[in-house]
Amino acid sequence: GTVAAIAGALAGATVGPLGIPQEWLDDLMDWPHSISYLRALATTLTDPSVDAPTSFSPWLLPRGAIFTLLVLAHGVRRLLPPY
């Protein structure tokens, strides 16, 4: 998973959104952020003269808590037999 994420990030940084298949972009999500938010954030990263979007969603807190619990549960499960 991690190697694929890094490879995808490098490929996206190299070819930009025009080099990524449209069906991949259509399935892209980072709830509760929208695709337009992600595009604005990407533009900010490539052009420092553009102001970064600074919206904050209160849904990020429960999303982060759920993700943390899932990661910890997976880690604890990996400690139990069978290894």
Protein backbone atom coordinates (compact mmCIF):
# COMPACT_ATOMS: atom_id res chain seq x y z
CA GLY A 1 0.00 0.00 0.00
CA THR A 2 2.65 2.54 1.01
CA VAL A 3 4.91 1.89 -1.98
CA ALA A 4 1.93 2.22 -4.33
CA ALA A 5 0.92 5.51 -2.71
CA ILE A 6 4.43 6.91 -3.08
CA ALA A 7 4.67 5.69 -6.69
CA GLY A 8 1.29 7.25 -7.47
CA ALA A 9 2.28 10.55 -5.86
CA LEU A 10 5.52 10.66 -7.85
CA ALA A 11 3.72 9.77 -11.08
CA GLY A 12 1.10 12.44 -10.46
CA ALA A 13 3.74 15.03 -9.66
CA THR A 14 5.61 14.11 -12.84
CA VAL A 15 2.78 13.98 -15.38
CA GLY A 16 0.18 16.17 -13.66
CA PRO A 17 -3.58 15.62 -13.81
CA LEU A 18 -3.58 15.34 -17.61
CA GLY A 19 -1.44 12.19 -17.39
CA ILE A 20 -3.77 10.46 -14.93
CA PRO A 21 -6.69 8.47 -16.40
CA GLN A 22 -10.01 10.30 -15.97
CA GLU A 23 -11.68 7.29 -14.31
CA TRP A 24 -9.05 7.45 -11.56
CA LEU A 25 -9.71 11.14 -11.03
CA ASP A 26 -13.47 10.51 -10.98
CA ASP A 27 -13.02 8.04 -8.10
CA LEU A 28 -10.73 10.33 -6.12
CA MET A 29 -12.14 11.35 -2.74
CA ASP A 30 -10.92 12.75 0.52
CA TRP A 31 -14.15 13.12 2.45
CA PRO A 32 -15.17 15.65 3.73
CA HIS A 33 -13.15 17.65 1.19
CA SER A 34 -14.39 18.02 -2.36
CA ILE A 35 -12.46 17.50 -5.58
CA SER A 36 -12.45 21.27 -6.14
CA TYR A 37 -10.81 21.74 -2.73
CA LEU A 38 -8.15 19.16 -3.58
CA ARG A 39 -7.48 20.85 -6.94
CA ALA A 40 -7.16 24.25 -5.25
CA LEU A 41 -4.75 22.77 -2.71
CA ALA A 42 -2.68 21.17 -5.50
CA THR A 43 -2.54 24.52 -7.32
CA THR A 44 -1.28 26.18 -4.16
CA LEU A 45 1.48 23.60 -3.84
CA THR A 46 2.68 24.27 -7.38
CA ASP A 47 2.17 28.06 -7.41
CA PRO A 48 3.09 29.88 -4.17
CA SER A 49 1.38 33.09 -5.37
CA VAL A 50 -2.02 31.39 -5.01
CA ASP A 51 -3.57 31.46 -1.53
CA ALA A 52 -4.09 28.06 0.05
CA PRO A 53 -7.65 26.99 0.85
CA THR A 54 -8.06 27.18 4.61
CA SER A 55 -11.50 25.73 5.17
CA PHE A 56 -11.88 23.38 8.11
CA SER A 57 -14.60 20.79 8.38
CA PRO A 58 -15.66 19.54 11.80
CA TRP A 59 -16.07 16.12 10.15
CA LEU A 60 -12.28 15.81 10.07
CA LEU A 61 -12.23 15.13 13.82
CA PRO A 62 -14.45 12.01 13.83
CA ARG A 63 -12.85 10.83 10.59
CA GLY A 64 -9.42 11.06 12.21
CA ALA A 65 -10.62 9.32 15.37
CA ILE A 66 -12.18 6.44 13.42
CA PHE A 67 -9.07 6.07 11.28
CA THR A 68 -6.85 6.04 14.38
CA LEU A 69 -8.98 3.36 16.03
CA LEU A 70 -8.88 1.21 12.90
CA VAL A 71 -5.10 1.49 12.62
CA LEU A 72 -4.62 0.67 16.32
CA ALA A 73 -7.03 -2.27 16.10
CA HIS A 74 -5.14 -3.61 13.10
CA GLY A 75 -1.83 -3.23 14.95
CA VAL A 76 -3.15 -5.06 18.03
CA ARG A 77 -4.58 -7.82 15.82
CA ARG A 78 -1.16 -8.28 14.20
CA LEU A 79 0.32 -8.92 17.66
CA LEU A 80 -2.03 -11.83 18.30
CA PRO A 81 -1.52 -15.38 17.01
CA PRO A 82 -1.32 -16.57 14.31
CA TYR A 83 1.46 -14.17 13.47
